[in-house]
Every structure is written in structure tokens, then in C-alpha cells.
Amino acid sequence: MKKEYDIDSLIGEMDFVSGQFQDVGNGIQLTNREIEVLDQYKIPYRSCHNLKEILFQIEELIEDMDIVDEELDWIASCISERDYYQNTNK
């Protein structure tokens, strides 16, 4: 028995915005979701010159926190991975 799906409904439920990249200055690209989380924690990513500086700011904040916010940790992981692939000689 073949199951029918309402494609319009499925597409309407998908989030295409949070994963979109924005240029935040100095050639740095962050997703809308990353920007939202960084803004929430008042991390000054716009004054950073590269992804490593943003990661340093995140790590400093995480060290000062009593608990680790899973979302902030996930954002740091995503930025770290992007930095690795963008800046590692292949």
C-alpha cells in the first residue's frame, strides 16, 4: 500500500531560513541560527576578523558559565568544522 504525502504541507513545515548564510563583515559567513544564538549571548561576532576569533569568544563564555548550553556548544562545533574546511590546505 502506497502512502500519499501532502508535499505542500511538508515543504511549508521546513525551515529554510535558519540555515541561510549571512555575511556579517570581514568575510565571515554565519547562518541565521548561529547569529541568533550569538546575539542571545551577546558575543561580539561583528568585531571578529575570522571564525577562530568567534570560537575564542564562545569558549571564553562557556568557561565562565556554570552549565554548558547545548545549543551554544552545537554552534561552536558547527563554526569550528566550517573553519577547518575553509582554512585547511587540501
PDB file of N, CA and C in Angstrom:
ATOM      1  N   MET A   1       0.845  -1.173   0.000  1.00  0.00           N
ATOM      2  CA  MET A   1       0.000   0.000   0.000  1.00  0.00           C
ATOM      3  C   MET A   1       0.896   1.244   0.000  1.00  0.00           C
ATOM      4  N   LYS A   2       0.696   2.091  -0.965  1.00  0.00           N
ATOM      5  CA  LYS A   2       1.499   3.299  -1.128  1.00  0.00           C
ATOM      6  C   LYS A   2       0.903   4.436  -0.300  1.00  0.00           C
ATOM      7  N   LYS A   3       1.764   5.110   0.470  1.00  0.00           N
ATOM      8  CA  LYS A   3       1.303   6.195   1.326  1.00  0.00           C
ATOM      9  C   LYS A   3       1.412   7.519   0.564  1.00  0.00           C
ATOM     10  N   GLU A   4       0.387   8.335   0.647  1.00  0.00           N
ATOM     11  CA  GLU A   4       0.356   9.635  -0.016  1.00  0.00           C
ATOM     12  C   GLU A   4       0.832  10.720   0.959  1.00  0.00           C
ATOM     13  N   TYR A   5       1.602  11.648   0.452  1.00  0.00           N
ATOM     14  CA  TYR A   5       2.098  12.769   1.253  1.00  0.00           C
ATOM     15  C   TYR A   5       1.637  14.078   0.626  1.00  0.00           C
ATOM     16  N   ASP A   6       1.316  15.014   1.479  1.00  0.00           N
ATOM     17  CA  ASP A   6       0.959  16.352   1.024  1.00  0.00           C
ATOM     18  C   ASP A   6       2.258  17.157   0.939  1.00  0.00           C
ATOM     19  N   ILE A   7       2.818  17.233  -0.257  1.00  0.00           N
ATOM     20  CA  ILE A   7       4.106  17.884  -0.468  1.00  0.00           C
ATOM     21  C   ILE A   7       4.077  19.346  -0.019  1.00  0.00           C
ATOM     22  N   ASP A   8       3.029  20.061  -0.351  1.00  0.00           N
ATOM     23  CA  ASP A   8       2.930  21.471   0.042  1.00  0.00           C
ATOM     24  C   ASP A   8       2.979  21.627   1.559  1.00  0.00           C
ATOM     25  N   SER A   9       2.315  20.734   2.260  1.00  0.00           N
ATOM     26  CA  SER A   9       2.310  20.788   3.718  1.00  0.00           C
ATOM     27  C   SER A   9       3.699  20.483   4.273  1.00  0.00           C
ATOM     28  N   LEU A  10       4.359  19.481   3.712  1.00  0.00           N
ATOM     29  CA  LEU A  10       5.705  19.125   4.177  1.00  0.00           C
ATOM     30  C   LEU A  10       6.698  20.255   3.933  1.00  0.00           C
ATOM     31  N   ILE A  11       6.638  20.855   2.763  1.00  0.00           N
ATOM     32  CA  ILE A  11       7.545  21.959   2.439  1.00  0.00           C
ATOM     33  C   ILE A  11       7.240  23.160   3.328  1.00  0.00           C
ATOM     34  N   GLY A  12       5.960  23.397   3.604  1.00  0.00           N
ATOM     35  CA  GLY A  12       5.576  24.515   4.459  1.00  0.00           C
ATOM     36  C   GLY A  12       6.106  24.386   5.872  1.00  0.00           C
ATOM     37  N   GLU A  13       6.350  23.152   6.323  1.00  0.00           N
ATOM     38  CA  GLU A  13       6.858  22.920   7.678  1.00  0.00           C
ATOM     39  C   GLU A  13       8.378  22.991   7.764  1.00  0.00           C
ATOM     40  N   MET A  14       9.048  23.005   6.618  1.00  0.00           N
ATOM     41  CA  MET A  14      10.516  23.014   6.615  1.00  0.00           C
ATOM     42  C   MET A  14      11.044  24.417   6.882  1.00  0.00           C
ATOM     43  N   ASP A  15      12.156  24.478   7.600  1.00  0.00           N
ATOM     44  CA  ASP A  15      12.784  25.751   7.935  1.00  0.00           C
ATOM     45  C   ASP A  15      13.955  25.985   6.980  1.00  0.00           C
ATOM     46  N   PHE A  16      13.745  26.875   6.019  1.00  0.00           N
ATOM     47  CA  PHE A  16      14.788  27.193   5.062  1.00  0.00           C
ATOM     48  C   PHE A  16      15.578  28.434   5.469  1.00  0.00           C
ATOM     49  N   VAL A  17      15.103  29.157   6.451  1.00  0.00           N
ATOM     50  CA  VAL A  17      15.699  30.447   6.805  1.00  0.00           C
ATOM     51  C   VAL A  17      16.858  30.317   7.790  1.00  0.00           C
ATOM     52  N   SER A  18      16.722  29.488   8.809  1.00  0.00           N
ATOM     53  CA  SER A  18      17.746  29.443   9.857  1.00  0.00           C
ATOM     54  C   SER A  18      19.090  28.944   9.350  1.00  0.00           C
ATOM     55  N   GLY A  19      19.101  28.171   8.269  1.00  0.00           N
ATOM     56  CA  GLY A  19      20.355  27.650   7.727  1.00  0.00           C
ATOM     57  C   GLY A  19      20.983  28.525   6.665  1.00  0.00           C
ATOM     58  N   GLN A  20      20.320  29.636   6.325  1.00  0.00           N
ATOM     59  CA  GLN A  20      20.871  30.530   5.306  1.00  0.00           C
ATOM     60  C   GLN A  20      22.046  31.311   5.874  1.00  0.00           C
ATOM     61  N   PHE A  21      23.061  31.485   5.032  1.00  0.00           N
ATOM     62  CA  PHE A  21      24.251  32.218   5.448  1.00  0.00           C
ATOM     63  C   PHE A  21      24.078  33.709   5.214  1.00  0.00           C
ATOM     64  N   GLN A  22      24.650  34.476   6.134  1.00  0.00           N
ATOM     65  CA  GLN A  22      24.683  35.933   6.044  1.00  0.00           C
ATOM     66  C   GLN A  22      26.133  36.381   6.164  1.00  0.00           C
ATOM     67  N   ASP A  23      26.507  37.389   5.404  1.00  0.00           N
ATOM     68  CA  ASP A  23      27.837  37.979   5.531  1.00  0.00           C
ATOM     69  C   ASP A  23      27.765  38.976   6.687  1.00  0.00           C
ATOM     70  N   VAL A  24      28.531  38.721   7.748  1.00  0.00           N
ATOM     71  CA  VAL A  24      28.475  39.582   8.934  1.00  0.00           C
ATOM     72  C   VAL A  24      29.665  40.537   8.994  1.00  0.00           C
ATOM     73  N   GLY A  25      30.411  40.617   7.913  1.00  0.00           N
ATOM     74  CA  GLY A  25      31.560  41.518   7.859  1.00  0.00           C
ATOM     75  C   GLY A  25      32.866  40.749   7.951  1.00  0.00           C
ATOM     76  N   ASN A  26      33.919  41.376   7.488  1.00  0.00           N
ATOM     77  CA  ASN A  26      35.263  40.788   7.499  1.00  0.00           C
ATOM     78  C   ASN A  26      35.321  39.447   6.771  1.00  0.00           C
ATOM     79  N   GLY A  27      34.417  39.233   5.822  1.00  0.00           N
ATOM     80  CA  GLY A  27      34.402  37.990   5.057  1.00  0.00           C
ATOM     81  C   GLY A  27      33.885  36.793   5.834  1.00  0.00           C
ATOM     82  N   ILE A  28      33.251  37.025   6.970  1.00  0.00           N
ATOM     83  CA  ILE A  28      32.735  35.942   7.809  1.00  0.00           C
ATOM     84  C   ILE A  28      31.286  35.652   7.423  1.00  0.00           C
ATOM     85  N   GLN A  29      31.006  34.374   7.204  1.00  0.00           N
ATOM     86  CA  GLN A  29      29.660  33.921   6.886  1.00  0.00           C
ATOM     87  C   GLN A  29      29.133  33.104   8.068  1.00  0.00           C
ATOM     88  N   LEU A  30      27.973  33.488   8.575  1.00  0.00           N
ATOM     89  CA  LEU A  30      27.315  32.747   9.653  1.00  0.00           C
ATOM     90  C   LEU A  30      25.870  32.483   9.234  1.00  0.00           C
ATOM     91  N   THR A  31      25.307  31.392   9.747  1.00  0.00           N
ATOM     92  CA  THR A  31      23.903  31.120   9.459  1.00  0.00           C
ATOM     93  C   THR A  31      23.032  32.028  10.334  1.00  0.00           C
ATOM     94  N   ASN A  32      21.787  32.188   9.919  1.00  0.00           N
ATOM     95  CA  ASN A  32      20.849  32.981  10.708  1.00  0.00           C
ATOM     96  C   ASN A  32      20.717  32.422  12.121  1.00  0.00           C
ATOM     97  N   ARG A  33      20.712  31.103  12.254  1.00  0.00           N
ATOM     98  CA  ARG A  33      20.586  30.476  13.583  1.00  0.00           C
ATOM     99  C   ARG A  33      21.819  30.759  14.429  1.00  0.00           C
ATOM    100  N   GLU A  34      23.004  30.678  13.827  1.00  0.00           N
ATOM    101  CA  GLU A  34      24.233  30.993  14.567  1.00  0.00           C
ATOM    102  C   GLU A  34      24.203  32.436  15.051  1.00  0.00           C
ATOM    103  N   ILE A  35      23.779  33.346  14.184  1.00  0.00           N
ATOM    104  CA  ILE A  35      23.687  34.758  14.542  1.00  0.00           C
ATOM    105  C   ILE A  35      22.713  34.940  15.698  1.00  0.00           C
ATOM    106  N   GLU A  36      21.580  34.264  15.628  1.00  0.00           N
ATOM    107  CA  GLU A  36      20.565  34.372  16.688  1.00  0.00           C
ATOM    108  C   GLU A  36      21.131  33.941  18.041  1.00  0.00           C
ATOM    109  N   VAL A  37      21.852  32.824  18.068  1.00  0.00           N
ATOM    110  CA  VAL A  37      22.417  32.321  19.327  1.00  0.00           C
ATOM    111  C   VAL A  37      23.541  33.229  19.809  1.00  0.00           C
ATOM    112  N   LEU A  38      24.396  33.683  18.902  1.00  0.00           N
ATOM    113  CA  LEU A  38      25.491  34.583  19.290  1.00  0.00           C
ATOM    114  C   LEU A  38      24.932  35.900  19.840  1.00  0.00           C
ATOM    115  N   ASP A  39      23.880  36.410  19.221  1.00  0.00           N
ATOM    116  CA  ASP A  39      23.229  37.623  19.721  1.00  0.00           C
ATOM    117  C   ASP A  39      22.623  37.380  21.109  1.00  0.00           C
ATOM    118  N   GLN A  40      22.017  36.223  21.288  1.00  0.00           N
ATOM    119  CA  GLN A  40      21.402  35.881  22.574  1.00  0.00           C
ATOM    120  C   GLN A  40      22.433  35.943  23.706  1.00  0.00           C
ATOM    121  N   TYR A  41      23.654  35.506  23.416  1.00  0.00           N
ATOM    122  CA  TYR A  41      24.707  35.502  24.428  1.00  0.00           C
ATOM    123  C   TYR A  41      25.602  36.740  24.351  1.00  0.00           C
ATOM    124  N   LYS A  42      25.210  37.687  23.501  1.00  0.00           N
ATOM    125  CA  LYS A  42      25.937  38.951  23.369  1.00  0.00           C
ATOM    126  C   LYS A  42      27.408  38.736  23.019  1.00  0.00           C
ATOM    127  N   ILE A  43      27.653  37.790  22.138  1.00  0.00           N
ATOM    128  CA  ILE A  43      29.008  37.530  21.655  1.00  0.00           C
ATOM    129  C   ILE A  43      29.261  38.488  20.489  1.00  0.00           C
ATOM    130  N   PRO A  44      30.310  39.309  20.578  1.00  0.00           N
ATOM    131  CA  PRO A  44      30.556  40.363  19.586  1.00  0.00           C
ATOM    132  C   PRO A  44      31.187  39.842  18.289  1.00  0.00           C
ATOM    133  N   TYR A  45      30.455  39.020  17.559  1.00  0.00           N
ATOM    134  CA  TYR A  45      30.989  38.390  16.350  1.00  0.00           C
ATOM    135  C   TYR A  45      31.290  39.395  15.242  1.00  0.00           C
ATOM    136  N   ARG A  46      30.597  40.520  15.218  1.00  0.00           N
ATOM    137  CA  ARG A  46      30.823  41.521  14.161  1.00  0.00           C
ATOM    138  C   ARG A  46      32.184  42.199  14.288  1.00  0.00           C
ATOM    139  N   SER A  47      32.765  42.174  15.479  1.00  0.00           N
ATOM    140  CA  SER A  47      34.086  42.777  15.651  1.00  0.00           C
ATOM    141  C   SER A  47      35.214  41.761  15.452  1.00  0.00           C
ATOM    142  N   CYS A  48      34.861  40.523  15.187  1.00  0.00           N
ATOM    143  CA  CYS A  48      35.866  39.478  14.967  1.00  0.00           C
ATOM    144  C   CYS A  48      36.335  39.514  13.513  1.00  0.00           C
ATOM    145  N   HIS A  49      37.571  39.080  13.301  1.00  0.00           N
ATOM    146  CA  HIS A  49      38.155  39.099  11.965  1.00  0.00           C
ATOM    147  C   HIS A  49      38.145  37.737  11.281  1.00  0.00           C
ATOM    148  N   ASN A  50      37.833  36.692  12.031  1.00  0.00           N
ATOM    149  CA  ASN A  50      37.763  35.351  11.445  1.00  0.00           C
ATOM    150  C   ASN A  50      36.957  34.439  12.371  1.00  0.00           C
ATOM    151  N   LEU A  51      36.706  33.239  11.896  1.00  0.00           N
ATOM    152  CA  LEU A  51      35.905  32.294  12.671  1.00  0.00           C
ATOM    153  C   LEU A  51      36.612  31.863  13.954  1.00  0.00           C
ATOM    154  N   LYS A  52      37.942  31.797  13.927  1.00  0.00           N
ATOM    155  CA  LYS A  52      38.690  31.413  15.128  1.00  0.00           C
ATOM    156  C   LYS A  52      38.462  32.409  16.266  1.00  0.00           C
ATOM    157  N   GLU A  53      38.373  33.682  15.938  1.00  0.00           N
ATOM    158  CA  GLU A  53      38.108  34.697  16.968  1.00  0.00           C
ATOM    159  C   GLU A  53      36.707  34.499  17.571  1.00  0.00           C
ATOM    160  N   ILE A  54      35.742  34.162  16.728  1.00  0.00           N
ATOM    161  CA  ILE A  54      34.390  33.903  17.235  1.00  0.00           C
ATOM    162  C   ILE A  54      34.418  32.689  18.154  1.00  0.00           C
ATOM    163  N   LEU A  55      35.120  31.645  17.739  1.00  0.00           N
ATOM    164  CA  LEU A  55      35.241  30.440  18.570  1.00  0.00           C
ATOM    165  C   LEU A  55      35.899  30.766  19.906  1.00  0.00           C
ATOM    166  N   PHE A  56      36.909  31.626  19.892  1.00  0.00           N
ATOM    167  CA  PHE A  56      37.559  32.038  21.138  1.00  0.00           C
ATOM    168  C   PHE A  56      36.562  32.732  22.057  1.00  0.00           C
ATOM    169  N   GLN A  57      35.741  33.617  21.498  1.00  0.00           N
ATOM    170  CA  GLN A  57      34.730  34.329  22.289  1.00  0.00           C
ATOM    171  C   GLN A  57      33.736  33.339  22.904  1.00  0.00           C
ATOM    172  N   ILE A  58      33.318  32.348  22.106  1.00  0.00           N
ATOM    173  CA  ILE A  58      32.378  31.336  22.603  1.00  0.00           C
ATOM    174  C   ILE A  58      33.017  30.533  23.722  1.00  0.00           C
ATOM    175  N   GLU A  59      34.268  30.096  23.512  1.00  0.00           N
ATOM    176  CA  GLU A  59      34.962  29.294  24.526  1.00  0.00           C
ATOM    177  C   GLU A  59      35.143  30.065  25.828  1.00  0.00           C
ATOM    178  N   GLU A  60      35.441  31.355  25.720  1.00  0.00           N
ATOM    179  CA  GLU A  60      35.566  32.197  26.915  1.00  0.00           C
ATOM    180  C   GLU A  60      34.250  32.225  27.688  1.00  0.00           C
ATOM    181  N   LEU A  61      33.154  32.375  26.966  1.00  0.00           N
ATOM    182  CA  LEU A  61      31.838  32.417  27.600  1.00  0.00           C
ATOM    183  C   LEU A  61      31.502  31.078  28.245  1.00  0.00           C
ATOM    184  N   ILE A  62      31.767  29.994  27.531  1.00  0.00           N
ATOM    185  CA  ILE A  62      31.472  28.662  28.059  1.00  0.00           C
ATOM    186  C   ILE A  62      32.259  28.409  29.342  1.00  0.00           C
ATOM    187  N   GLU A  63      33.517  28.846  29.387  1.00  0.00           N
ATOM    188  CA  GLU A  63      34.337  28.674  30.599  1.00  0.00           C
ATOM    189  C   GLU A  63      33.747  29.418  31.789  1.00  0.00           C
ATOM    190  N   ASP A  64      33.106  30.567  31.526  1.00  0.00           N
ATOM    191  CA  ASP A  64      32.536  31.389  32.594  1.00  0.00           C
ATOM    192  C   ASP A  64      31.156  30.916  33.043  1.00  0.00           C
ATOM    193  N   MET A  65      30.526  30.034  32.261  1.00  0.00           N
ATOM    194  CA  MET A  65      29.171  29.573  32.580  1.00  0.00           C
ATOM    195  C   MET A  65      29.228  28.431  33.589  1.00  0.00           C
ATOM    196  N   ASP A  66      28.216  28.372  34.428  1.00  0.00           N
ATOM    197  CA  ASP A  66      28.110  27.264  35.382  1.00  0.00           C
ATOM    198  C   ASP A  66      27.705  25.972  34.678  1.00  0.00           C
ATOM    199  N   ILE A  67      26.870  26.109  33.653  1.00  0.00           N
ATOM    200  CA  ILE A  67      26.437  24.951  32.881  1.00  0.00           C
ATOM    201  C   ILE A  67      26.743  25.222  31.411  1.00  0.00           C
ATOM    202  N   VAL A  68      26.846  24.178  30.628  1.00  0.00           N
ATOM    203  CA  VAL A  68      27.094  24.337  29.200  1.00  0.00           C
ATOM    204  C   VAL A  68      25.763  24.293  28.467  1.00  0.00           C
ATOM    205  N   ASP A  69      25.491  25.331  27.730  1.00  0.00           N
ATOM    206  CA  ASP A  69      24.289  25.386  26.908  1.00  0.00           C
ATOM    207  C   ASP A  69      24.540  24.520  25.678  1.00  0.00           C
ATOM    208  N   GLU A  70      23.699  23.512  25.478  1.00  0.00           N
ATOM    209  CA  GLU A  70      23.896  22.579  24.373  1.00  0.00           C
ATOM    210  C   GLU A  70      23.845  23.269  23.022  1.00  0.00           C
ATOM    211  N   GLU A  71      22.974  24.253  22.882  1.00  0.00           N
ATOM    212  CA  GLU A  71      22.860  24.946  21.603  1.00  0.00           C
ATOM    213  C   GLU A  71      24.118  25.765  21.310  1.00  0.00           C
ATOM    214  N   LEU A  72      24.635  26.446  22.321  1.00  0.00           N
ATOM    215  CA  LEU A  72      25.863  27.219  22.147  1.00  0.00           C
ATOM    216  C   LEU A  72      27.024  26.283  21.816  1.00  0.00           C
ATOM    217  N   ASP A  73      27.077  25.150  22.464  1.00  0.00           N
ATOM    218  CA  ASP A  73      28.107  24.159  22.191  1.00  0.00           C
ATOM    219  C   ASP A  73      27.976  23.628  20.760  1.00  0.00           C
ATOM    220  N   TRP A  74      26.739  23.393  20.312  1.00  0.00           N
ATOM    221  CA  TRP A  74      26.498  22.920  18.950  1.00  0.00           C
ATOM    222  C   TRP A  74      26.923  23.971  17.925  1.00  0.00           C
ATOM    223  N   ILE A  75      26.614  25.244  18.190  1.00  0.00           N
ATOM    224  CA  ILE A  75      27.003  26.338  17.299  1.00  0.00           C
ATOM    225  C   ILE A  75      28.524  26.398  17.192  1.00  0.00           C
ATOM    226  N   ALA A  76      29.212  26.270  18.326  1.00  0.00           N
ATOM    227  CA  ALA A  76      30.680  26.281  18.335  1.00  0.00           C
ATOM    228  C   ALA A  76      31.225  25.138  17.491  1.00  0.00           C
ATOM    229  N   SER A  77      30.604  23.989  17.592  1.00  0.00           N
ATOM    230  CA  SER A  77      31.029  22.823  16.815  1.00  0.00           C
ATOM    231  C   SER A  77      30.851  23.072  15.316  1.00  0.00           C
ATOM    232  N   CYS A  78      29.732  23.650  14.926  1.00  0.00           N
ATOM    233  CA  CYS A  78      29.470  23.947  13.512  1.00  0.00           C
ATOM    234  C   CYS A  78      30.469  24.961  12.961  1.00  0.00           C
ATOM    235  N   ILE A  79      30.721  26.009  13.726  1.00  0.00           N
ATOM    236  CA  ILE A  79      31.661  27.044  13.292  1.00  0.00           C
ATOM    237  C   ILE A  79      33.070  26.465  13.213  1.00  0.00           C
ATOM    238  N   SER A  80      33.434  25.644  14.172  1.00  0.00           N
ATOM    239  CA  SER A  80      34.753  25.014  14.182  1.00  0.00           C
ATOM    240  C   SER A  80      34.943  24.131  12.946  1.00  0.00           C
ATOM    241  N   GLU A  81      33.935  23.346  12.635  1.00  0.00           N
ATOM    242  CA  GLU A  81      34.023  22.473  11.466  1.00  0.00           C
ATOM    243  C   GLU A  81      34.137  23.292  10.184  1.00  0.00           C
ATOM    244  N   ARG A  82      33.351  24.360  10.065  1.00  0.00           N
ATOM    245  CA  ARG A  82      33.416  25.218   8.878  1.00  0.00           C
ATOM    246  C   ARG A  82      34.787  25.860   8.766  1.00  0.00           C
ATOM    247  N   ASP A  83      35.326  26.338   9.891  1.00  0.00           N
ATOM    248  CA  ASP A  83      36.649  26.947   9.890  1.00  0.00           C
ATOM    249  C   ASP A  83      37.695  25.938   9.414  1.00  0.00           C
ATOM    250  N   TYR A  84      37.593  24.724   9.887  1.00  0.00           N
ATOM    251  CA  TYR A  84      38.540  23.682   9.486  1.00  0.00           C
ATOM    252  C   TYR A  84      38.502  23.470   7.976  1.00  0.00           C
ATOM    253  N   TYR A  85      37.319  23.303   7.411  1.00  0.00           N
ATOM    254  CA  TYR A  85      37.205  23.014   5.987  1.00  0.00           C
ATOM    255  C   TYR A  85      37.544  24.237   5.113  1.00  0.00           C
ATOM    256  N   GLN A  86      37.312  25.436   5.608  1.00  0.00           N
ATOM    257  CA  GLN A  86      37.625  26.627   4.825  1.00  0.00           C
ATOM    258  C   GLN A  86      39.102  26.984   4.876  1.00  0.00           C
ATOM    259  N   ASN A  87      39.772  26.642   5.971  1.00  0.00           N
ATOM    260  CA  ASN A  87      41.128  27.127   6.169  1.00  0.00           C
ATOM    261  C   ASN A  87      42.201  26.057   6.230  1.00  0.00           C
ATOM    262  N   THR A  88      41.856  24.828   5.898  1.00  0.00           N
ATOM    263  CA  THR A  88      42.846  23.762   5.880  1.00  0.00           C
ATOM    264  C   THR A  88      43.290  23.529   4.448  1.00  0.00           C
ATOM    265  N   ASN A  89      44.604  23.520   4.245  1.00  0.00           N
ATOM    266  CA  ASN A  89      45.131  23.270   2.900  1.00  0.00           C
ATOM    267  C   ASN A  89      44.809  21.841   2.495  1.00  0.00           C
ATOM    268  N   LYS A  90      44.302  21.715   1.320  1.00  0.00           N
ATOM    269  CA  LYS A  90      43.916  20.388   0.836  1.00  0.00           C
ATOM    270  C   LYS A  90      44.920  19.879  -0.157  1.00  0.00           C
TER     271      LYS A  90
END
